[in-house]
Protein backbone atom coordinates (compact mmCIF):
# COMPACT_ATOMS: atom_id res chain seq x y z
CA MET A 1 -0.04 0.20 -0.12
CA ASP A 2 1.73 3.25 -0.99
CA TRP A 3 1.80 6.47 0.86
CA ASN A 4 -1.23 8.13 -0.82
CA LYS A 5 -3.40 5.34 -0.57
CA ARG A 6 -2.76 5.31 2.99
CA VAL A 7 -3.46 8.97 3.39
CA ARG A 8 -6.61 8.88 1.74
CA GLN A 9 -7.92 5.78 3.79
CA ILE A 10 -6.88 7.69 6.99
CA HIS A 11 -8.88 10.72 5.60
CA ARG A 12 -11.94 8.68 4.97
CA TRP A 13 -11.56 7.26 8.98
CA LEU A 14 -11.02 10.38 10.44
CA SER A 15 -14.09 11.71 8.77
CA ILE A 16 -16.28 9.07 9.88
CA ILE A 17 -14.99 9.55 13.61
CA PHE A 18 -15.51 13.40 13.21
CA ALA A 19 -19.15 13.07 12.09
CA ALA A 20 -19.95 10.47 14.78
CA VAL A 21 -18.44 12.53 17.73
CA VAL A 22 -20.42 15.62 16.46
CA ALA A 23 -23.51 13.49 15.83
CA ALA A 24 -23.05 12.08 19.48
CA ILE A 25 -22.80 15.64 20.89
CA PHE A 26 -26.13 16.88 19.03
CA ILE A 27 -28.02 13.76 20.43
CA SER A 28 -26.84 14.34 23.92
CA LEU A 29 -28.04 17.78 23.48
CA GLY A 30 -31.58 16.78 21.99
CA ALA A 31 -31.82 14.32 24.90
CA GLY A 32 -31.84 17.16 27.06
CA LYS A 33 -28.36 16.36 28.62
CA GLU A 34 -25.94 19.18 28.94
CA PRO A 35 -22.41 17.53 28.43
CA ALA A 36 -19.37 18.89 30.20
CA TYR A 37 -17.18 21.51 28.46
CA TRP A 38 -14.53 19.06 27.28
CA VAL A 39 -16.83 17.30 25.37
CA TYR A 40 -17.19 20.18 22.79
CA LEU A 41 -13.56 20.04 22.41
CA LEU A 42 -13.55 16.33 21.33
CA PRO A 43 -14.14 17.13 17.51
CA LEU A 44 -11.04 19.33 17.55
CA PHE A 45 -8.60 16.57 16.99
CA PRO A 46 -9.94 14.73 14.28
CA LEU A 47 -10.97 18.12 12.80
CA GLY A 48 -7.19 19.28 13.10
CA LEU A 49 -6.00 15.52 11.33
CA LEU A 50 -8.67 16.09 8.73
CA LEU A 51 -6.78 19.64 8.00
CA LEU A 52 -3.49 18.14 7.45
CA THR A 53 -4.66 14.99 5.48
CA GLY A 54 -6.94 16.94 3.39
CA LEU A 55 -4.12 19.79 2.60
CA TYR A 56 -1.68 16.95 1.67
CA MET A 57 -3.99 15.54 -0.77
CA PHE A 58 -5.06 19.08 -2.31
CA VAL A 59 -1.27 19.73 -2.80
CA LEU A 60 -0.75 16.15 -4.45
CA PRO A 61 -1.63 17.06 -8.13
CA TYR A 62 0.87 20.13 -8.08
CA ALA A 63 3.74 18.24 -6.63
CA PRO A 64 5.08 16.48 -9.69
CA LYS A 65 4.94 20.34 -11.45
CA TRP A 66 7.20 21.53 -8.68
CA ARG A 67 9.56 18.71 -8.77
CA ASN A 68 9.69 19.25 -12.82
CA ALA A 69 10.58 22.99 -12.31
CA GLY A 70 14.08 21.93 -11.38
CA GLY A 71 14.34 24.43 -8.49
CA THR A 72 13.94 27.30 -10.91
CA GLY A 73 11.09 28.77 -8.89
CA ALA A 74 8.62 28.66 -12.04
CA LEU A 75 5.37 26.76 -11.32
CA GLU A 76 4.22 26.64 -14.87
């Protein structure tokens, strides 16, 4: 399994975890229970990792162009 496929798989699982945590918070609010303050901070960790993996995947199509530029600074 190469690096790009691994990052995509991690990104998918992180999105499932993030959605489940957010849904659990909304369900607990709907049930009339007020969760502790730290519960609201739980989605931030997977969200930060989603940001990193998403940015990595966003940059992937541009990486070959940067490598082929040969250090000239030209991105075209």
